């Protein structure tokens, strides 16, 4: 049985190593190794590129987790004892010289969107990025793309800030609003200002946790219901079981702050909550196709110049997509009012 598993692993590795011929693999790192002899077998089975080490299957090396994965680095969730144990294990189980040689031989990465490199000297608009304990799931590529198009990004907190900064648009990303529901709800001033910003046609883009915050309320696993911003006429209900996980493809069904109907992009969904409409059907701007099985479903909730969804979109799948939100925010900066068709 073990040798069958090892043969399957080797075949899978060969397929992966040849998936992108332009990708130069310098070494293989193995996780959850059973023993020294197990590591030696893996080294014998895979010789090109070589196995440069790995980590044993040891609970003492496990990072703290919760329902949406690992705890984030800014929470100081990893005890020093785990970091010390990891350091010792890497020294014992890895070929450090091979790792350093591979790292030093790597070519310099070229990134046309490296932090702010292409940002305009005179910003076209100001976009607020909700960033605190409850919201911090953002693709840095997306943020740099906004900067490159002339947006000045300003971080603010939906938990601790009592006054919304002077902004032309809002981007509320993913995170853990369910863990901070009481604090978010207690910030009445911020909730009211967000609702007022949306009511006067302000540009708002929300993803997953942002969608939850922009709804009327969230009901936690403990059965407690907390009012949220009250912009989207729906309520988010957290469930014990995973509600969605996987990659998706999106096509916009109507005009929105992203641009005209027919735009396509990719992203992923990972959620334990579901959104329940409070007053009839919501206006869904997305036609979503689940990559795993091809299932098609409506998504992307639109209201005036607001667009929010459970999808974490990666704009590298369609970089011009970011031009829409920046254009919408720039119109707001110039005092122009423009609502998209259908409202």
C-alpha atoms as a PDB file:
ATOM      1  CA  UNK A   1       0.000   0.000   0.000  1.00  0.00           C
ATOM      2  CA  UNK A   2       2.771   2.463   0.904  1.00  0.00           C
ATOM      3  CA  UNK A   3       4.676   1.824  -2.312  1.00  0.00           C
ATOM      4  CA  UNK A   4       1.479   2.348  -4.328  1.00  0.00           C
ATOM      5  CA  UNK A   5       1.008   5.689  -2.576  1.00  0.00           C
ATOM      6  CA  UNK A   6       4.625   6.660  -3.241  1.00  0.00           C
ATOM      7  CA  UNK A   7       4.307   5.767  -6.934  1.00  0.00           C
ATOM      8  CA  UNK A   8       1.116   7.838  -7.157  1.00  0.00           C
ATOM      9  CA  UNK A   9       2.877  10.763  -5.454  1.00  0.00           C
ATOM     10  CA  UNK A  10       5.783  10.581  -7.900  1.00  0.00           C
ATOM     11  CA  UNK A  11       3.431  10.475 -10.905  1.00  0.00           C
ATOM     12  CA  UNK A  12       1.516  13.475  -9.528  1.00  0.00           C
ATOM     13  CA  UNK A  13       4.744  15.379  -9.010  1.00  0.00           C
ATOM     14  CA  UNK A  14       5.867  14.696 -12.580  1.00  0.00           C
ATOM     15  CA  UNK A  15       2.572  16.063 -13.876  1.00  0.00           C
ATOM     16  CA  UNK A  16       2.897  19.187 -11.718  1.00  0.00           C
ATOM     17  CA  UNK A  17       6.544  19.741 -12.655  1.00  0.00           C
ATOM     18  CA  UNK A  18       5.622  19.694 -16.349  1.00  0.00           C
ATOM     19  CA  UNK A  19       2.481  21.791 -16.045  1.00  0.00           C
ATOM     20  CA  UNK A  20       4.334  25.026 -16.832  1.00  0.00           C
ATOM     21  CA  UNK A  21       7.522  24.365 -18.772  1.00  0.00           C
ATOM     22  CA  UNK A  22       8.653  27.986 -18.292  1.00  0.00           C
ATOM     23  CA  UNK A  23       8.629  27.617 -14.515  1.00  0.00           C
ATOM     24  CA  UNK A  24      12.073  26.654 -13.228  1.00  0.00           C
ATOM     25  CA  UNK A  25      11.731  24.404 -10.183  1.00  0.00           C
ATOM     26  CA  UNK A  26      14.777  24.527  -7.932  1.00  0.00           C
ATOM     27  CA  UNK A  27      13.705  22.031  -5.312  1.00  0.00           C
ATOM     28  CA  UNK A  28      10.900  20.162  -3.598  1.00  0.00           C
ATOM     29  CA  UNK A  29       9.790  20.789  -0.013  1.00  0.00           C
ATOM     30  CA  UNK A  30       7.798  17.971   1.615  1.00  0.00           C
ATOM     31  CA  UNK A  31       5.290  18.524   4.383  1.00  0.00           C
ATOM     32  CA  UNK A  32       4.103  16.173   7.161  1.00  0.00           C
ATOM     33  CA  UNK A  33       7.010  13.729   6.828  1.00  0.00           C
ATOM     34  CA  UNK A  34       6.591  10.560   8.858  1.00  0.00           C
ATOM     35  CA  UNK A  35      10.210   9.771   9.656  1.00  0.00           C
ATOM     36  CA  UNK A  36      13.828  10.147   8.499  1.00  0.00           C
ATOM     37  CA  UNK A  37      13.480   7.019   6.399  1.00  0.00           C
ATOM     38  CA  UNK A  38      10.338   8.488   4.844  1.00  0.00           C
ATOM     39  CA  UNK A  39      12.319  11.592   3.832  1.00  0.00           C
ATOM     40  CA  UNK A  40      15.085   9.402   2.389  1.00  0.00           C
ATOM     41  CA  UNK A  41      12.540   7.488   0.315  1.00  0.00           C
ATOM     42  CA  UNK A  42      11.145  10.724  -1.047  1.00  0.00           C
ATOM     43  CA  UNK A  43      14.666  11.874  -1.953  1.00  0.00           C
ATOM     44  CA  UNK A  44      15.286   8.601  -3.787  1.00  0.00           C
ATOM     45  CA  UNK A  45      11.963   8.834  -5.626  1.00  0.00           C
ATOM     46  CA  UNK A  46      12.382  12.437  -6.800  1.00  0.00           C
ATOM     47  CA  UNK A  47      15.837  13.448  -7.942  1.00  0.00           C
ATOM     48  CA  UNK A  48      15.192  16.275 -10.391  1.00  0.00           C
ATOM     49  CA  UNK A  49      14.579  18.779  -8.980  1.00  0.00           C
ATOM     50  CA  UNK A  50      15.919  17.431  -5.690  1.00  0.00           C
ATOM     51  CA  UNK A  51      14.019  17.141  -2.444  1.00  0.00           C
ATOM     52  CA  UNK A  52      15.651  19.840  -0.320  1.00  0.00           C
ATOM     53  CA  UNK A  53      13.873  18.962   2.901  1.00  0.00           C
ATOM     54  CA  UNK A  54      10.580  19.314   4.655  1.00  0.00           C
ATOM     55  CA  UNK A  55       8.921  19.252   8.042  1.00  0.00           C
ATOM     56  CA  UNK A  56       7.808  16.287  10.162  1.00  0.00           C
ATOM     57  CA  UNK A  57       4.194  15.564  11.017  1.00  0.00           C
ATOM     58  CA  UNK A  58       4.503  17.081  14.498  1.00  0.00           C
ATOM     59  CA  UNK A  59       1.568  18.787  16.319  1.00  0.00           C
ATOM     60  CA  UNK A  60       4.089  21.058  18.055  1.00  0.00           C
ATOM     61  CA  UNK A  61       4.722  22.746  14.678  1.00  0.00           C
ATOM     62  CA  UNK A  62       1.053  23.473  13.967  1.00  0.00           C
ATOM     63  CA  UNK A  63      -0.129  27.074  13.542  1.00  0.00           C
ATOM     64  CA  UNK A  64      -3.380  28.112  15.289  1.00  0.00           C
ATOM     65  CA  UNK A  65      -6.441  27.810  13.042  1.00  0.00           C
ATOM     66  CA  UNK A  66     -10.106  28.775  13.024  1.00  0.00           C
ATOM     67  CA  UNK A  67     -13.131  28.409  10.726  1.00  0.00           C
ATOM     68  CA  UNK A  68     -11.664  30.389   7.792  1.00  0.00           C
ATOM     69  CA  UNK A  69      -8.143  29.025   8.057  1.00  0.00           C
ATOM     70  CA  UNK A  70      -4.999  30.189   9.818  1.00  0.00           C
ATOM     71  CA  UNK A  71      -5.026  33.051  12.266  1.00  0.00           C
ATOM     72  CA  UNK A  72      -3.530  36.171  10.702  1.00  0.00           C
ATOM     73  CA  UNK A  73      -0.009  37.369  11.420  1.00  0.00           C
ATOM     74  CA  UNK A  74      -1.089  40.760  12.765  1.00  0.00           C
ATOM     75  CA  UNK A  75      -2.938  39.033  15.618  1.00  0.00           C
ATOM     76  CA  UNK A  76       0.356  37.720  17.082  1.00  0.00           C
ATOM     77  CA  UNK A  77      -1.338  34.328  17.073  1.00  0.00           C
ATOM     78  CA  UNK A  78       1.812  32.209  16.691  1.00  0.00           C
ATOM     79  CA  UNK A  79       3.535  31.624  20.062  1.00  0.00           C
ATOM     80  CA  UNK A  80       7.296  32.065  20.240  1.00  0.00           C
ATOM     81  CA  UNK A  81       7.548  28.401  21.250  1.00  0.00           C
ATOM     82  CA  UNK A  82       6.167  27.321  17.837  1.00  0.00           C
ATOM     83  CA  UNK A  83       8.504  29.658  15.963  1.00  0.00           C
ATOM     84  CA  UNK A  84      11.461  28.313  17.944  1.00  0.00           C
ATOM     85  CA  UNK A  85      10.395  24.702  17.264  1.00  0.00           C
ATOM     86  CA  UNK A  86       9.989  25.476  13.549  1.00  0.00           C
ATOM     87  CA  UNK A  87      13.429  27.015  13.394  1.00  0.00           C
ATOM     88  CA  UNK A  88      14.993  23.973  15.020  1.00  0.00           C
ATOM     89  CA  UNK A  89      13.068  21.576  12.761  1.00  0.00           C
ATOM     90  CA  UNK A  90      14.114  23.403   9.588  1.00  0.00           C
ATOM     91  CA  UNK A  91      17.744  23.191  10.680  1.00  0.00           C
ATOM     92  CA  UNK A  92      17.437  19.439  11.269  1.00  0.00           C
ATOM     93  CA  UNK A  93      15.268  18.382   8.337  1.00  0.00           C
ATOM     94  CA  UNK A  94      16.236  20.750   5.494  1.00  0.00           C
ATOM     95  CA  UNK A  95      19.298  21.234   3.324  1.00  0.00           C
ATOM     96  CA  UNK A  96      19.857  24.898   4.162  1.00  0.00           C
ATOM     97  CA  UNK A  97      22.792  25.251   1.804  1.00  0.00           C
ATOM     98  CA  UNK A  98      20.673  23.997  -1.115  1.00  0.00           C
ATOM     99  CA  UNK A  99      17.845  26.359  -0.185  1.00  0.00           C
ATOM    100  CA  UNK A 100      20.179  29.374  -0.025  1.00  0.00           C
ATOM    101  CA  UNK A 101      21.820  28.412  -3.302  1.00  0.00           C
ATOM    102  CA  UNK A 102      18.439  28.144  -5.004  1.00  0.00           C
ATOM    103  CA  UNK A 103      17.279  31.460  -3.557  1.00  0.00           C
ATOM    104  CA  UNK A 104      20.448  33.295  -4.580  1.00  0.00           C
ATOM    105  CA  UNK A 105      20.231  31.933  -8.130  1.00  0.00           C
ATOM    106  CA  UNK A 106      16.649  33.112  -8.687  1.00  0.00           C
ATOM    107  CA  UNK A 107      16.116  35.867 -11.237  1.00  0.00           C
ATOM    108  CA  UNK A 108      14.774  39.223 -10.090  1.00  0.00           C
ATOM    109  CA  UNK A 109      10.997  39.307 -10.230  1.00  0.00           C
ATOM    110  CA  UNK A 110       9.522  41.950 -12.472  1.00  0.00           C
ATOM    111  CA  UNK A 111       6.270  43.460 -11.270  1.00  0.00           C
ATOM    112  CA  UNK A 112       4.840  46.399 -13.109  1.00  0.00           C
ATOM    113  CA  UNK A 113       2.571  47.049 -10.136  1.00  0.00           C
ATOM    114  CA  UNK A 114       5.172  47.057  -7.366  1.00  0.00           C
ATOM    115  CA  UNK A 115       3.845  49.132  -4.491  1.00  0.00           C
ATOM    116  CA  UNK A 116       3.000  52.543  -5.810  1.00  0.00           C
ATOM    117  CA  UNK A 117       5.639  52.539  -8.543  1.00  0.00           C
ATOM    118  CA  UNK A 118       3.146  53.608 -11.168  1.00  0.00           C
ATOM    119  CA  UNK A 119       0.935  55.777  -8.998  1.00  0.00           C
ATOM    120  CA  UNK A 120       0.106  59.167 -10.477  1.00  0.00           C
ATOM    121  CA  UNK A 121       1.684  62.179  -8.788  1.00  0.00           C
ATOM    122  CA  UNK A 122      -1.731  63.888  -8.657  1.00  0.00           C
ATOM    123  CA  UNK A 123      -4.401  61.419  -7.488  1.00  0.00           C
ATOM    124  CA  UNK A 124      -7.625  61.282  -9.460  1.00  0.00           C
ATOM    125  CA  UNK A 125      -9.662  60.161  -6.454  1.00  0.00           C
ATOM    126  CA  UNK A 126      -9.466  58.971  -2.845  1.00  0.00           C
ATOM    127  CA  UNK A 127     -10.613  55.445  -2.014  1.00  0.00           C
ATOM    128  CA  UNK A 128     -11.029  54.335   1.586  1.00  0.00           C
ATOM    129  CA  UNK A 129      -9.788  50.824   2.409  1.00  0.00           C
ATOM    130  CA  UNK A 130     -11.484  49.326   5.474  1.00  0.00           C
ATOM    131  CA  UNK A 131      -8.569  47.818   7.380  1.00  0.00           C
ATOM    132  CA  UNK A 132      -8.677  46.652  10.994  1.00  0.00           C
ATOM    133  CA  UNK A 133      -9.165  43.502  13.063  1.00  0.00           C
ATOM    134  CA  UNK A 134     -12.383  42.695  11.193  1.00  0.00           C
ATOM    135  CA  UNK A 135     -11.325  43.488   7.608  1.00  0.00           C
ATOM    136  CA  UNK A 136      -7.914  42.778   6.147  1.00  0.00           C
ATOM    137  CA  UNK A 137      -8.324  40.245   3.334  1.00  0.00           C
ATOM    138  CA  UNK A 138      -7.151  42.082   0.209  1.00  0.00           C
ATOM    139  CA  UNK A 139      -5.100  41.060  -2.804  1.00  0.00           C
ATOM    140  CA  UNK A 140      -2.152  43.460  -2.871  1.00  0.00           C
ATOM    141  CA  UNK A 141      -2.289  43.235  -6.668  1.00  0.00           C
ATOM    142  CA  UNK A 142      -5.780  44.774  -6.609  1.00  0.00           C
ATOM    143  CA  UNK A 143      -4.680  47.630  -4.375  1.00  0.00           C
ATOM    144  CA  UNK A 144      -1.581  48.370  -6.463  1.00  0.00           C
ATOM    145  CA  UNK A 145      -3.702  48.316  -9.594  1.00  0.00           C
ATOM    146  CA  UNK A 146      -5.969  50.986  -8.110  1.00  0.00           C
ATOM    147  CA  UNK A 147      -2.908  53.079  -7.239  1.00  0.00           C
ATOM    148  CA  UNK A 148      -1.500  52.706 -10.748  1.00  0.00           C
ATOM    149  CA  UNK A 149      -4.755  54.095 -12.148  1.00  0.00           C
ATOM    150  CA  UNK A 150      -4.542  57.216 -10.018  1.00  0.00           C
ATOM    151  CA  UNK A 151      -6.372  56.289  -6.814  1.00  0.00           C
ATOM    152  CA  UNK A 152      -5.035  57.442  -3.457  1.00  0.00           C
ATOM    153  CA  UNK A 153      -5.779  54.713  -0.910  1.00  0.00           C
ATOM    154  CA  UNK A 154      -6.565  55.664   2.663  1.00  0.00           C
ATOM    155  CA  UNK A 155      -6.915  53.021   5.373  1.00  0.00           C
ATOM    156  CA  UNK A 156      -9.572  53.478   8.024  1.00  0.00           C
ATOM    157  CA  UNK A 157     -11.244  51.342  10.687  1.00  0.00           C
ATOM    158  CA  UNK A 158     -14.907  50.400  10.797  1.00  0.00           C
ATOM    159  CA  UNK A 159     -14.413  49.445  14.438  1.00  0.00           C
ATOM    160  CA  UNK A 160     -12.467  52.273  16.053  1.00  0.00           C
ATOM    161  CA  UNK A 161     -12.835  55.315  13.765  1.00  0.00           C
ATOM    162  CA  UNK A 162     -15.846  57.458  14.543  1.00  0.00           C
ATOM    163  CA  UNK A 163     -15.614  59.669  11.465  1.00  0.00           C
ATOM    164  CA  UNK A 164     -15.430  58.559   7.849  1.00  0.00           C
ATOM    165  CA  UNK A 165     -12.447  60.200   6.083  1.00  0.00           C
ATOM    166  CA  UNK A 166     -12.994  62.544   3.149  1.00  0.00           C
ATOM    167  CA  UNK A 167     -13.347  59.936   0.403  1.00  0.00           C
ATOM    168  CA  UNK A 168     -14.712  59.452  -3.098  1.00  0.00           C
ATOM    169  CA  UNK A 169     -15.209  55.693  -2.779  1.00  0.00           C
ATOM    170  CA  UNK A 170     -15.040  52.761  -0.376  1.00  0.00           C
ATOM    171  CA  UNK A 171     -13.515  49.288  -0.683  1.00  0.00           C
ATOM    172  CA  UNK A 172     -14.580  46.942   2.119  1.00  0.00           C
ATOM    173  CA  UNK A 173     -12.748  43.641   1.707  1.00  0.00           C
ATOM    174  CA  UNK A 174     -12.983  40.298   3.414  1.00  0.00           C
ATOM    175  CA  UNK A 175     -12.214  39.398   6.989  1.00  0.00           C
ATOM    176  CA  UNK A 176     -13.947  38.324  10.187  1.00  0.00           C
ATOM    177  CA  UNK A 177     -16.938  40.612  10.805  1.00  0.00           C
ATOM    178  CA  UNK A 178     -18.646  37.695  12.575  1.00  0.00           C
ATOM    179  CA  UNK A 179     -15.911  37.708  15.235  1.00  0.00           C
ATOM    180  CA  UNK A 180     -16.187  41.471  15.749  1.00  0.00           C
ATOM    181  CA  UNK A 181     -19.914  41.882  15.167  1.00  0.00           C
ATOM    182  CA  UNK A 182     -20.598  43.503  18.530  1.00  0.00           C
ATOM    183  CA  UNK A 183     -17.832  46.111  18.123  1.00  0.00           C
ATOM    184  CA  UNK A 184     -18.831  46.865  14.529  1.00  0.00           C
ATOM    185  CA  UNK A 185     -22.456  47.253  15.523  1.00  0.00           C
ATOM    186  CA  UNK A 186     -21.577  49.460  18.500  1.00  0.00           C
ATOM    187  CA  UNK A 187     -19.920  52.007  16.179  1.00  0.00           C
ATOM    188  CA  UNK A 188     -23.247  53.718  15.368  1.00  0.00           C
ATOM    189  CA  UNK A 189     -21.570  56.791  13.940  1.00  0.00           C
ATOM    190  CA  UNK A 190     -19.585  54.847  11.328  1.00  0.00           C
ATOM    191  CA  UNK A 191     -22.561  52.709  10.345  1.00  0.00           C
ATOM    192  CA  UNK A 192     -24.709  55.790   9.832  1.00  0.00           C
ATOM    193  CA  UNK A 193     -22.032  57.544   7.770  1.00  0.00           C
ATOM    194  CA  UNK A 194     -21.540  54.502   5.538  1.00  0.00           C
ATOM    195  CA  UNK A 195     -25.298  54.297   4.961  1.00  0.00           C
ATOM    196  CA  UNK A 196     -25.478  58.021   4.177  1.00  0.00           C
ATOM    197  CA  UNK A 197     -22.526  57.735   1.770  1.00  0.00           C
ATOM    198  CA  UNK A 198     -24.324  54.939  -0.093  1.00  0.00           C
ATOM    199  CA  UNK A 199     -27.657  56.798  -0.107  1.00  0.00           C
ATOM    200  CA  UNK A 200     -26.168  59.823  -1.866  1.00  0.00           C
ATOM    201  CA  UNK A 201     -24.676  57.636  -4.604  1.00  0.00           C
ATOM    202  CA  UNK A 202     -21.168  57.110  -3.243  1.00  0.00           C
ATOM    203  CA  UNK A 203     -19.136  54.361  -4.915  1.00  0.00           C
ATOM    204  CA  UNK A 204     -18.826  51.267  -2.692  1.00  0.00           C
ATOM    205  CA  UNK A 205     -17.271  47.901  -3.520  1.00  0.00           C
ATOM    206  CA  UNK A 206     -17.552  45.073  -0.997  1.00  0.00           C
ATOM    207  CA  UNK A 207     -16.226  41.504  -0.901  1.00  0.00           C
ATOM    208  CA  UNK A 208     -17.392  38.707   1.413  1.00  0.00           C
ATOM    209  CA  UNK A 209     -16.926  40.263   4.861  1.00  0.00           C
ATOM    210  CA  UNK A 210     -17.603  43.638   3.254  1.00  0.00           C
ATOM    211  CA  UNK A 211     -20.886  42.280   1.881  1.00  0.00           C
ATOM    212  CA  UNK A 212     -21.843  41.166   5.390  1.00  0.00           C
ATOM    213  CA  UNK A 213     -21.045  44.578   6.880  1.00  0.00           C
ATOM    214  CA  UNK A 214     -23.052  46.374   4.201  1.00  0.00           C
ATOM    215  CA  UNK A 215     -26.125  44.232   4.922  1.00  0.00           C
ATOM    216  CA  UNK A 216     -28.728  45.084   7.544  1.00  0.00           C
ATOM    217  CA  UNK A 217     -27.556  42.665  10.228  1.00  0.00           C
ATOM    218  CA  UNK A 218     -25.481  39.622  11.052  1.00  0.00           C
ATOM    219  CA  UNK A 219     -26.626  36.677  13.162  1.00  0.00           C
ATOM    220  CA  UNK A 220     -23.705  34.857  14.763  1.00  0.00           C
ATOM    221  CA  UNK A 221     -23.365  31.170  15.610  1.00  0.00           C
ATOM    222  CA  UNK A 222     -24.381  32.030  19.164  1.00  0.00           C
ATOM    223  CA  UNK A 223     -27.728  33.292  17.847  1.00  0.00           C
ATOM    224  CA  UNK A 224     -26.994  36.948  18.565  1.00  0.00           C
ATOM    225  CA  UNK A 225     -28.112  39.444  15.902  1.00  0.00           C
ATOM    226  CA  UNK A 226     -26.195  42.688  15.464  1.00  0.00           C
ATOM    227  CA  UNK A 227     -27.240  45.580  13.197  1.00  0.00           C
ATOM    228  CA  UNK A 228     -24.751  46.435  10.446  1.00  0.00           C
ATOM    229  CA  UNK A 229     -24.625  49.343   7.957  1.00  0.00           C
ATOM    230  CA  UNK A 230     -28.095  48.615   6.589  1.00  0.00           C
ATOM    231  CA  UNK A 231     -27.339  49.390   2.939  1.00  0.00           C
ATOM    232  CA  UNK A 232     -28.207  46.016   1.359  1.00  0.00           C
ATOM    233  CA  UNK A 233     -31.726  44.839   2.317  1.00  0.00           C
ATOM    234  CA  UNK A 234     -30.596  41.449   3.550  1.00  0.00           C
ATOM    235  CA  UNK A 235     -29.316  39.707   6.669  1.00  0.00           C
ATOM    236  CA  UNK A 236     -26.177  37.560   6.939  1.00  0.00           C
ATOM    237  CA  UNK A 237     -26.572  34.380   8.976  1.00  0.00           C
ATOM    238  CA  UNK A 238     -23.477  32.455  10.078  1.00  0.00           C
ATOM    239  CA  UNK A 239     -23.835  28.672   9.831  1.00  0.00           C
ATOM    240  CA  UNK A 240     -21.884  25.883  11.487  1.00  0.00           C
ATOM    241  CA  UNK A 241     -21.176  24.178   8.180  1.00  0.00           C
ATOM    242  CA  UNK A 242     -19.152  25.568   5.290  1.00  0.00           C
ATOM    243  CA  UNK A 243     -21.504  27.203   2.768  1.00  0.00           C
ATOM    244  CA  UNK A 244     -19.165  27.727  -0.198  1.00  0.00           C
ATOM    245  CA  UNK A 245     -15.555  27.001  -1.101  1.00  0.00           C
ATOM    246  CA  UNK A 246     -13.828  27.088  -4.458  1.00  0.00           C
ATOM    247  CA  UNK A 247     -12.863  29.020  -7.562  1.00  0.00           C
ATOM    248  CA  UNK A 248     -15.477  30.782  -9.654  1.00  0.00           C
ATOM    249  CA  UNK A 249     -15.760  32.646 -12.938  1.00  0.00           C
ATOM    250  CA  UNK A 250     -17.947  35.735 -13.094  1.00  0.00           C
ATOM    251  CA  UNK A 251     -19.675  37.552 -15.939  1.00  0.00           C
ATOM    252  CA  UNK A 252     -21.461  40.807 -15.161  1.00  0.00           C
ATOM    253  CA  UNK A 253     -25.120  40.754 -16.201  1.00  0.00           C
ATOM    254  CA  UNK A 254     -25.705  44.498 -16.023  1.00  0.00           C
ATOM    255  CA  UNK A 255     -23.835  47.789 -15.885  1.00  0.00           C
ATOM    256  CA  UNK A 256     -22.187  48.461 -12.534  1.00  0.00           C
ATOM    257  CA  UNK A 257     -19.299  50.373 -11.000  1.00  0.00           C
ATOM    258  CA  UNK A 258     -17.003  47.778 -12.632  1.00  0.00           C
ATOM    259  CA  UNK A 259     -18.173  48.906 -16.066  1.00  0.00           C
ATOM    260  CA  UNK A 260     -20.628  47.705 -18.726  1.00  0.00           C
ATOM    261  CA  UNK A 261     -22.358  44.336 -18.718  1.00  0.00           C
ATOM    262  CA  UNK A 262     -20.369  41.421 -20.096  1.00  0.00           C
ATOM    263  CA  UNK A 263     -17.159  41.870 -18.104  1.00  0.00           C
ATOM    264  CA  UNK A 264     -15.469  38.633 -17.009  1.00  0.00           C
ATOM    265  CA  UNK A 265     -13.080  37.842 -14.169  1.00  0.00           C
ATOM    266  CA  UNK A 266     -12.145  35.109 -11.715  1.00  0.00           C
ATOM    267  CA  UNK A 267     -12.029  34.751  -7.979  1.00  0.00           C
ATOM    268  CA  UNK A 268     -12.900  32.401  -5.146  1.00  0.00           C
ATOM    269  CA  UNK A 269     -15.502  31.944  -2.436  1.00  0.00           C
ATOM    270  CA  UNK A 270     -14.913  30.768   1.120  1.00  0.00           C
ATOM    271  CA  UNK A 271     -17.744  31.405   3.543  1.00  0.00           C
ATOM    272  CA  UNK A 272     -19.703  30.025   6.443  1.00  0.00           C
ATOM    273  CA  UNK A 273     -22.528  32.550   6.167  1.00  0.00           C
ATOM    274  CA  UNK A 274     -25.467  32.989   3.824  1.00  0.00           C
ATOM    275  CA  UNK A 275     -27.329  36.140   2.826  1.00  0.00           C
ATOM    276  CA  UNK A 276     -31.091  36.192   3.313  1.00  0.00           C
ATOM    277  CA  UNK A 277     -33.044  38.954   1.460  1.00  0.00           C
ATOM    278  CA  UNK A 278     -35.428  40.906   3.680  1.00  0.00           C
ATOM    279  CA  UNK A 279     -37.597  42.494   0.983  1.00  0.00           C
ATOM    280  CA  UNK A 280     -38.021  40.372  -2.131  1.00  0.00           C
ATOM    281  CA  UNK A 281     -35.218  39.465  -4.512  1.00  0.00           C
ATOM    282  CA  UNK A 282     -31.910  41.330  -4.609  1.00  0.00           C
ATOM    283  CA  UNK A 283     -30.636  42.830  -7.856  1.00  0.00           C
ATOM    284  CA  UNK A 284     -27.887  40.395  -8.847  1.00  0.00           C
ATOM    285  CA  UNK A 285     -25.277  41.812 -11.235  1.00  0.00           C
ATOM    286  CA  UNK A 286     -23.222  38.616 -11.601  1.00  0.00           C
ATOM    287  CA  UNK A 287     -23.648  35.381 -13.491  1.00  0.00           C
ATOM    288  CA  UNK A 288     -21.370  33.104 -11.508  1.00  0.00           C
ATOM    289  CA  UNK A 289     -20.036  29.765 -12.741  1.00  0.00           C
ATOM    290  CA  UNK A 290     -18.548  27.399 -10.181  1.00  0.00           C
ATOM    291  CA  UNK A 291     -15.327  25.921 -11.592  1.00  0.00           C
ATOM    292  CA  UNK A 292     -15.672  22.631  -9.736  1.00  0.00           C
ATOM    293  CA  UNK A 293     -18.902  21.473 -11.390  1.00  0.00           C
ATOM    294  CA  UNK A 294     -20.008  24.223 -13.778  1.00  0.00           C
ATOM    295  CA  UNK A 295     -23.047  25.168 -11.690  1.00  0.00           C
ATOM    296  CA  UNK A 296     -24.418  28.588 -12.660  1.00  0.00           C
ATOM    297  CA  UNK A 297     -25.933  30.924 -10.076  1.00  0.00           C
ATOM    298  CA  UNK A 298     -26.755  34.633  -9.605  1.00  0.00           C
ATOM    299  CA  UNK A 299     -24.519  36.728  -7.369  1.00  0.00           C
ATOM    300  CA  UNK A 300     -23.111  40.243  -6.993  1.00  0.00           C
ATOM    301  CA  UNK A 301     -25.625  42.494  -5.245  1.00  0.00           C
ATOM    302  CA  UNK A 302     -26.067  45.955  -6.780  1.00  0.00           C
ATOM    303  CA  UNK A 303     -27.776  49.024  -5.395  1.00  0.00           C
ATOM    304  CA  UNK A 304     -27.151  52.504  -6.876  1.00  0.00           C
ATOM    305  CA  UNK A 305     -23.332  52.801  -7.004  1.00  0.00           C
ATOM    306  CA  UNK A 306     -22.770  49.915  -4.619  1.00  0.00           C
ATOM    307  CA  UNK A 307     -21.604  46.467  -5.701  1.00  0.00           C
ATOM    308  CA  UNK A 308     -20.961  43.709  -3.173  1.00  0.00           C
ATOM    309  CA  UNK A 309     -20.434  39.980  -3.427  1.00  0.00           C
ATOM    310  CA  UNK A 310     -19.140  36.918  -1.624  1.00  0.00           C
ATOM    311  CA  UNK A 311     -16.532  36.577  -4.397  1.00  0.00           C
ATOM    312  CA  UNK A 312     -12.920  37.510  -3.627  1.00  0.00           C
ATOM    313  CA  UNK A 313     -12.002  38.764  -7.107  1.00  0.00           C
ATOM    314  CA  UNK A 314      -8.420  38.755  -8.355  1.00  0.00           C
ATOM    315  CA  UNK A 315      -8.177  41.501 -10.948  1.00  0.00           C
ATOM    316  CA  UNK A 316      -5.122  39.954 -12.615  1.00  0.00           C
ATOM    317  CA  UNK A 317      -7.738  37.820 -14.405  1.00  0.00           C
ATOM    318  CA  UNK A 318      -8.896  41.041 -16.128  1.00  0.00           C
ATOM    319  CA  UNK A 319      -6.757  44.074 -15.139  1.00  0.00           C
ATOM    320  CA  UNK A 320      -8.873  46.694 -17.013  1.00  0.00           C
ATOM    321  CA  UNK A 321     -11.636  45.805 -14.557  1.00  0.00           C
ATOM    322  CA  UNK A 322     -10.158  48.209 -11.989  1.00  0.00           C
ATOM    323  CA  UNK A 323     -10.668  51.163 -14.319  1.00  0.00           C
ATOM    324  CA  UNK A 324     -14.400  51.086 -13.611  1.00  0.00           C
ATOM    325  CA  UNK A 325     -14.237  51.739  -9.846  1.00  0.00           C
ATOM    326  CA  UNK A 326     -11.555  54.402 -10.299  1.00  0.00           C
ATOM    327  CA  UNK A 327     -13.633  56.153 -12.971  1.00  0.00           C
ATOM    328  CA  UNK A 328     -16.710  55.997 -10.748  1.00  0.00           C
ATOM    329  CA  UNK A 329     -14.771  57.434  -7.797  1.00  0.00           C
ATOM    330  CA  UNK A 330     -13.215  60.123 -10.019  1.00  0.00           C
ATOM    331  CA  UNK A 331     -16.698  61.235 -11.070  1.00  0.00           C
ATOM    332  CA  UNK A 332     -17.548  61.513  -7.397  1.00  0.00           C
ATOM    333  CA  UNK A 333     -14.410  63.567  -6.798  1.00  0.00           C
ATOM    334  CA  UNK A 334     -15.542  65.940  -9.554  1.00  0.00           C
ATOM    335  CA  UNK A 335     -18.983  66.263  -8.050  1.00  0.00           C
ATOM    336  CA  UNK A 336     -20.712  64.254 -10.784  1.00  0.00           C
ATOM    337  CA  UNK A 337     -23.675  62.099  -9.863  1.00  0.00           C
ATOM    338  CA  UNK A 338     -24.214  59.007 -11.974  1.00  0.00           C
ATOM    339  CA  UNK A 339     -26.289  55.971 -11.107  1.00  0.00           C
ATOM    340  CA  UNK A 340     -26.066  52.850 -13.187  1.00  0.00           C
ATOM    341  CA  UNK A 341     -29.038  51.674 -15.177  1.00  0.00           C
ATOM    342  CA  UNK A 342     -31.613  49.515 -13.490  1.00  0.00           C
ATOM    343  CA  UNK A 343     -32.059  51.510 -10.280  1.00  0.00           C
END
